[in-house]
Amino acid sequence: MLKTLWATVRQGKIELLESAEIPEGTRVLVTLLPDDEAEFWLQASQTSLDEVWDNAEDDVYAQLLQK
């Protein structure tokens, strides 16, 4: 299963921003995001999420949760 985790580099080491159980020896792929592009990617992700979750078809589920 693929999973994306946010991290930062501190003193040459990658530090995860959230806790995760990663078995020893797990292969990882690291993608560097320059600071000036990080905000762009966050906004692009949010736009995609908004399209999926913010729509009238899902309003029926919100109504069901209120009952």
PDB file of N, CA and C in Angstrom:
ATOM      1  N   MET A   1       0.840  -1.174   0.000  1.00  0.00           N
ATOM      2  CA  MET A   1       0.000   0.000   0.000  1.00  0.00           C
ATOM      3  C   MET A   1       0.891   1.245   0.000  1.00  0.00           C
ATOM      4  N   LEU A   2       0.559   2.211  -0.818  1.00  0.00           N
ATOM      5  CA  LEU A   2       1.294   3.473  -0.853  1.00  0.00           C
ATOM      6  C   LEU A   2       0.714   4.425   0.175  1.00  0.00           C
ATOM      7  N   LYS A   3       1.570   5.161   0.848  1.00  0.00           N
ATOM      8  CA  LYS A   3       1.131   6.148   1.829  1.00  0.00           C
ATOM      9  C   LYS A   3       2.050   7.350   1.720  1.00  0.00           C
ATOM     10  N   THR A   4       1.474   8.525   1.759  1.00  0.00           N
ATOM     11  CA  THR A   4       2.251   9.756   1.698  1.00  0.00           C
ATOM     12  C   THR A   4       2.337  10.355   3.094  1.00  0.00           C
ATOM     13  N   LEU A   5       3.541  10.697   3.510  1.00  0.00           N
ATOM     14  CA  LEU A   5       3.775  11.303   4.813  1.00  0.00           C
ATOM     15  C   LEU A   5       4.553  12.599   4.626  1.00  0.00           C
ATOM     16  N   TRP A   6       4.193  13.630   5.362  1.00  0.00           N
ATOM     17  CA  TRP A   6       4.928  14.879   5.316  1.00  0.00           C
ATOM     18  C   TRP A   6       6.101  14.801   6.276  1.00  0.00           C
ATOM     19  N   ALA A   7       7.211  15.392   5.884  1.00  0.00           N
ATOM     20  CA  ALA A   7       8.415  15.388   6.707  1.00  0.00           C
ATOM     21  C   ALA A   7       9.236  16.626   6.408  1.00  0.00           C
ATOM     22  N   THR A   8      10.212  16.893   7.283  1.00  0.00           N
ATOM     23  CA  THR A   8      11.172  17.964   7.053  1.00  0.00           C
ATOM     24  C   THR A   8      12.578  17.391   7.266  1.00  0.00           C
ATOM     25  N   VAL A   9      13.557  18.106   6.771  1.00  0.00           N
ATOM     26  CA  VAL A   9      14.942  17.692   6.970  1.00  0.00           C
ATOM     27  C   VAL A   9      15.549  18.569   8.040  1.00  0.00           C
ATOM     28  N   ARG A  10      16.127  17.936   9.051  1.00  0.00           N
ATOM     29  CA  ARG A  10      16.786  18.642  10.148  1.00  0.00           C
ATOM     30  C   ARG A  10      18.143  17.985  10.388  1.00  0.00           C
ATOM     31  N   GLN A  11      19.182  18.770  10.262  1.00  0.00           N
ATOM     32  CA  GLN A  11      20.549  18.294  10.454  1.00  0.00           C
ATOM     33  C   GLN A  11      20.836  17.049   9.611  1.00  0.00           C
ATOM     34  N   GLY A  12      20.366  17.091   8.371  1.00  0.00           N
ATOM     35  CA  GLY A  12      20.646  16.012   7.426  1.00  0.00           C
ATOM     36  C   GLY A  12      19.795  14.762   7.596  1.00  0.00           C
ATOM     37  N   LYS A  13      18.819  14.797   8.505  1.00  0.00           N
ATOM     38  CA  LYS A  13      17.961  13.633   8.714  1.00  0.00           C
ATOM     39  C   LYS A  13      16.515  13.989   8.389  1.00  0.00           C
ATOM     40  N   ILE A  14      15.792  13.040   7.840  1.00  0.00           N
ATOM     41  CA  ILE A  14      14.385  13.237   7.515  1.00  0.00           C
ATOM     42  C   ILE A  14      13.567  12.943   8.764  1.00  0.00           C
ATOM     43  N   GLU A  15      12.764  13.931   9.197  1.00  0.00           N
ATOM     44  CA  GLU A  15      11.918  13.779  10.375  1.00  0.00           C
ATOM     45  C   GLU A  15      10.457  13.866   9.949  1.00  0.00           C
ATOM     46  N   LEU A  16       9.698  12.824  10.241  1.00  0.00           N
ATOM     47  CA  LEU A  16       8.277  12.823   9.913  1.00  0.00           C
ATOM     48  C   LEU A  16       7.542  13.855  10.752  1.00  0.00           C
ATOM     49  N   LEU A  17       6.524  14.482  10.181  1.00  0.00           N
ATOM     50  CA  LEU A  17       5.716  15.460  10.903  1.00  0.00           C
ATOM     51  C   LEU A  17       4.555  14.799  11.636  1.00  0.00           C
ATOM     52  N   GLU A  18       4.389  13.503  11.436  1.00  0.00           N
ATOM     53  CA  GLU A  18       3.354  12.744  12.124  1.00  0.00           C
ATOM     54  C   GLU A  18       3.936  11.375  12.462  1.00  0.00           C
ATOM     55  N   SER A  19       3.395  10.742  13.464  1.00  0.00           N
ATOM     56  CA  SER A  19       3.924   9.427  13.821  1.00  0.00           C
ATOM     57  C   SER A  19       3.398   8.374  12.845  1.00  0.00           C
ATOM     58  N   ALA A  20       4.228   7.392  12.574  1.00  0.00           N
ATOM     59  CA  ALA A  20       3.853   6.310  11.666  1.00  0.00           C
ATOM     60  C   ALA A  20       4.698   5.091  11.998  1.00  0.00           C
ATOM     61  N   GLU A  21       4.070   3.942  11.915  1.00  0.00           N
ATOM     62  CA  GLU A  21       4.806   2.696  12.119  1.00  0.00           C
ATOM     63  C   GLU A  21       5.373   2.263  10.777  1.00  0.00           C
ATOM     64  N   ILE A  22       6.680   2.335  10.658  1.00  0.00           N
ATOM     65  CA  ILE A  22       7.361   1.968   9.424  1.00  0.00           C
ATOM     66  C   ILE A  22       8.330   0.850   9.762  1.00  0.00           C
ATOM     67  N   PRO A  23       8.095  -0.338   9.235  1.00  0.00           N
ATOM     68  CA  PRO A  23       8.986  -1.465   9.548  1.00  0.00           C
ATOM     69  C   PRO A  23      10.423  -1.196   9.092  1.00  0.00           C
ATOM     70  N   GLU A  24      11.364  -1.669   9.877  1.00  0.00           N
ATOM     71  CA  GLU A  24      12.786  -1.533   9.546  1.00  0.00           C
ATOM     72  C   GLU A  24      13.037  -2.109   8.152  1.00  0.00           C
ATOM     73  N   GLY A  25      13.798  -1.400   7.358  1.00  0.00           N
ATOM     74  CA  GLY A  25      14.145  -1.868   6.018  1.00  0.00           C
ATOM     75  C   GLY A  25      13.147  -1.487   4.941  1.00  0.00           C
ATOM     76  N   THR A  26      12.068  -0.778   5.312  1.00  0.00           N
ATOM     77  CA  THR A  26      11.083  -0.350   4.326  1.00  0.00           C
ATOM     78  C   THR A  26      11.726   0.592   3.322  1.00  0.00           C
ATOM     79  N   ARG A  27      11.495   0.344   2.045  1.00  0.00           N
ATOM     80  CA  ARG A  27      12.008   1.246   1.010  1.00  0.00           C
ATOM     81  C   ARG A  27      11.087   2.443   0.905  1.00  0.00           C
ATOM     82  N   VAL A  28      11.666   3.621   0.770  1.00  0.00           N
ATOM     83  CA  VAL A  28      10.888   4.849   0.663  1.00  0.00           C
ATOM     84  C   VAL A  28      11.338   5.636  -0.563  1.00  0.00           C
ATOM     85  N   LEU A  29      10.450   6.452  -1.050  1.00  0.00           N
ATOM     86  CA  LEU A  29      10.746   7.354  -2.155  1.00  0.00           C
ATOM     87  C   LEU A  29      10.574   8.770  -1.609  1.00  0.00           C
ATOM     88  N   VAL A  30      11.588   9.584  -1.730  1.00  0.00           N
ATOM     89  CA  VAL A  30      11.556  10.939  -1.188  1.00  0.00           C
ATOM     90  C   VAL A  30      11.458  11.930  -2.340  1.00  0.00           C
ATOM     91  N   THR A  31      10.456  12.810  -2.275  1.00  0.00           N
ATOM     92  CA  THR A  31      10.290  13.865  -3.267  1.00  0.00           C
ATOM     93  C   THR A  31      10.548  15.195  -2.582  1.00  0.00           C
ATOM     94  N   LEU A  32      11.500  15.951  -3.087  1.00  0.00           N
ATOM     95  CA  LEU A  32      11.828  17.248  -2.496  1.00  0.00           C
ATOM     96  C   LEU A  32      10.901  18.317  -3.050  1.00  0.00           C
ATOM     97  N   LEU A  33      10.318  19.094  -2.152  1.00  0.00           N
ATOM     98  CA  LEU A  33       9.451  20.194  -2.537  1.00  0.00           C
ATOM     99  C   LEU A  33      10.121  21.497  -2.137  1.00  0.00           C
ATOM    100  N   PRO A  34      10.627  22.272  -3.095  1.00  0.00           N
ATOM    101  CA  PRO A  34      11.228  23.561  -2.746  1.00  0.00           C
ATOM    102  C   PRO A  34      10.197  24.418  -2.010  1.00  0.00           C
ATOM    103  N   ASP A  35      10.660  25.209  -1.040  1.00  0.00           N
ATOM    104  CA  ASP A  35       9.748  26.023  -0.242  1.00  0.00           C
ATOM    105  C   ASP A  35       8.826  26.882  -1.082  1.00  0.00           C
ATOM    106  N   ASP A  36       9.323  27.414  -2.182  1.00  0.00           N
ATOM    107  CA  ASP A  36       8.494  28.287  -2.997  1.00  0.00           C
ATOM    108  C   ASP A  36       7.419  27.516  -3.765  1.00  0.00           C
ATOM    109  N   GLU A  37       7.516  26.190  -3.835  1.00  0.00           N
ATOM    110  CA  GLU A  37       6.510  25.385  -4.520  1.00  0.00           C
ATOM    111  C   GLU A  37       5.579  24.666  -3.545  1.00  0.00           C
ATOM    112  N   ALA A  38       5.938  24.604  -2.293  1.00  0.00           N
ATOM    113  CA  ALA A  38       5.143  23.857  -1.318  1.00  0.00           C
ATOM    114  C   ALA A  38       3.718  24.393  -1.232  1.00  0.00           C
ATOM    115  N   GLU A  39       3.573  25.705  -1.168  1.00  0.00           N
ATOM    116  CA  GLU A  39       2.236  26.302  -1.070  1.00  0.00           C
ATOM    117  C   GLU A  39       1.407  25.978  -2.311  1.00  0.00           C
ATOM    118  N   PHE A  40       2.035  25.981  -3.483  1.00  0.00           N
ATOM    119  CA  PHE A  40       1.321  25.624  -4.715  1.00  0.00           C
ATOM    120  C   PHE A  40       0.743  24.225  -4.616  1.00  0.00           C
ATOM    121  N   TRP A  41       1.559  23.257  -4.164  1.00  0.00           N
ATOM    122  CA  TRP A  41       1.090  21.870  -4.090  1.00  0.00           C
ATOM    123  C   TRP A  41       0.005  21.695  -3.035  1.00  0.00           C
ATOM    124  N   LEU A  42       0.114  22.420  -1.927  1.00  0.00           N
ATOM    125  CA  LEU A  42      -0.946  22.354  -0.923  1.00  0.00           C
ATOM    126  C   LEU A  42      -2.260  22.882  -1.479  1.00  0.00           C
ATOM    127  N   GLN A  43      -2.189  23.993  -2.195  1.00  0.00           N
ATOM    128  CA  GLN A  43      -3.394  24.565  -2.802  1.00  0.00           C
ATOM    129  C   GLN A  43      -3.971  23.642  -3.870  1.00  0.00           C
ATOM    130  N   ALA A  44      -3.114  23.045  -4.682  1.00  0.00           N
ATOM    131  CA  ALA A  44      -3.579  22.132  -5.721  1.00  0.00           C
ATOM    132  C   ALA A  44      -4.282  20.931  -5.103  1.00  0.00           C
ATOM    133  N   SER A  45      -3.742  20.413  -4.028  1.00  0.00           N
ATOM    134  CA  SER A  45      -4.365  19.285  -3.337  1.00  0.00           C
ATOM    135  C   SER A  45      -5.710  19.690  -2.759  1.00  0.00           C
ATOM    136  N   GLN A  46      -5.777  20.867  -2.159  1.00  0.00           N
ATOM    137  CA  GLN A  46      -7.029  21.319  -1.549  1.00  0.00           C
ATOM    138  C   GLN A  46      -8.104  21.504  -2.605  1.00  0.00           C
ATOM    139  N   THR A  47      -7.740  22.031  -3.758  1.00  0.00           N
ATOM    140  CA  THR A  47      -8.704  22.211  -4.839  1.00  0.00           C
ATOM    141  C   THR A  47      -9.301  20.875  -5.256  1.00  0.00           C
ATOM    142  N   SER A  48      -8.461  19.865  -5.380  1.00  0.00           N
ATOM    143  CA  SER A  48      -8.943  18.536  -5.753  1.00  0.00           C
ATOM    144  C   SER A  48      -9.865  17.966  -4.682  1.00  0.00           C
ATOM    145  N   LEU A  49      -9.481  18.123  -3.431  1.00  0.00           N
ATOM    146  CA  LEU A  49     -10.326  17.628  -2.337  1.00  0.00           C
ATOM    147  C   LEU A  49     -11.668  18.344  -2.307  1.00  0.00           C
ATOM    148  N   ASP A  50     -11.652  19.641  -2.517  1.00  0.00           N
ATOM    149  CA  ASP A  50     -12.903  20.402  -2.528  1.00  0.00           C
ATOM    150  C   ASP A  50     -13.846  19.906  -3.617  1.00  0.00           C
ATOM    151  N   GLU A  51     -13.303  19.594  -4.780  1.00  0.00           N
ATOM    152  CA  GLU A  51     -14.139  19.101  -5.873  1.00  0.00           C
ATOM    153  C   GLU A  51     -14.805  17.778  -5.521  1.00  0.00           C
ATOM    154  N   VAL A  52     -14.077  16.931  -4.811  1.00  0.00           N
ATOM    155  CA  VAL A  52     -14.608  15.619  -4.450  1.00  0.00           C
ATOM    156  C   VAL A  52     -15.630  15.733  -3.322  1.00  0.00           C
ATOM    157  N   TRP A  53     -15.334  16.506  -2.281  1.00  0.00           N
ATOM    158  CA  TRP A  53     -16.161  16.508  -1.074  1.00  0.00           C
ATOM    159  C   TRP A  53     -17.182  17.622  -1.010  1.00  0.00           C
ATOM    160  N   ASP A  54     -16.974  18.710  -1.681  1.00  0.00           N
ATOM    161  CA  ASP A  54     -17.884  19.851  -1.587  1.00  0.00           C
ATOM    162  C   ASP A  54     -18.829  19.863  -2.780  1.00  0.00           C
ATOM    163  N   ASN A  55     -19.854  19.009  -2.722  1.00  0.00           N
ATOM    164  CA  ASN A  55     -20.813  18.966  -3.813  1.00  0.00           C
ATOM    165  C   ASN A  55     -22.200  18.668  -3.256  1.00  0.00           C
ATOM    166  N   ALA A  56     -23.218  19.051  -3.992  1.00  0.00           N
ATOM    167  CA  ALA A  56     -24.601  18.921  -3.540  1.00  0.00           C
ATOM    168  C   ALA A  56     -25.015  17.463  -3.347  1.00  0.00           C
ATOM    169  N   GLU A  57     -24.432  16.551  -4.094  1.00  0.00           N
ATOM    170  CA  GLU A  57     -24.800  15.148  -3.968  1.00  0.00           C
ATOM    171  C   GLU A  57     -24.492  14.600  -2.577  1.00  0.00           C
ATOM    172  N   ASP A  58     -23.482  15.127  -1.913  1.00  0.00           N
ATOM    173  CA  ASP A  58     -23.119  14.649  -0.584  1.00  0.00           C
ATOM    174  C   ASP A  58     -23.963  15.277   0.521  1.00  0.00           C
ATOM    175  N   ASP A  59     -24.769  16.292   0.203  1.00  0.00           N
ATOM    176  CA  ASP A  59     -25.580  16.939   1.222  1.00  0.00           C
ATOM    177  C   ASP A  59     -26.536  15.961   1.900  1.00  0.00           C
ATOM    178  N   VAL A  60     -27.001  14.962   1.179  1.00  0.00           N
ATOM    179  CA  VAL A  60     -27.922  13.981   1.760  1.00  0.00           C
ATOM    180  C   VAL A  60     -27.263  13.250   2.929  1.00  0.00           C
ATOM    181  N   TYR A  61     -25.958  13.013   2.864  1.00  0.00           N
ATOM    182  CA  TYR A  61     -25.258  12.340   3.950  1.00  0.00           C
ATOM    183  C   TYR A  61     -25.184  13.233   5.187  1.00  0.00           C
ATOM    184  N   ALA A  62     -24.969  14.499   4.998  1.00  0.00           N
ATOM    185  CA  ALA A  62     -24.935  15.448   6.118  1.00  0.00           C
ATOM    186  C   ALA A  62     -26.288  15.502   6.799  1.00  0.00           C
ATOM    187  N   GLN A  63     -27.355  15.454   6.004  1.00  0.00           N
ATOM    188  CA  GLN A  63     -28.710  15.453   6.577  1.00  0.00           C
ATOM    189  C   GLN A  63     -28.957  14.198   7.389  1.00  0.00           C
ATOM    190  N   LEU A  64     -28.493  13.062   6.923  1.00  0.00           N
ATOM    191  CA  LEU A  64     -28.679  11.820   7.648  1.00  0.00           C
ATOM    192  C   LEU A  64     -27.932  11.825   8.984  1.00  0.00           C
ATOM    193  N   LEU A  65     -26.749  12.448   9.010  1.00  0.00           N
ATOM    194  CA  LEU A  65     -25.970  12.509  10.245  1.00  0.00           C
ATOM    195  C   LEU A  65     -26.616  13.404  11.291  1.00  0.00           C
ATOM    196  N   GLN A  66     -27.432  14.367  10.872  1.00  0.00           N
ATOM    197  CA  GLN A  66     -28.064  15.283  11.798  1.00  0.00           C
ATOM    198  C   GLN A  66     -29.246  14.655  12.518  1.00  0.00           C
ATOM    199  N   LYS A  67     -29.775  13.581  11.988  1.00  0.00           N
ATOM    200  CA  LYS A  67     -30.977  12.959  12.584  1.00  0.00           C
ATOM    201  C   LYS A  67     -30.634  12.084  13.741  1.00  0.00           C
TER     202      LYS A  67
END
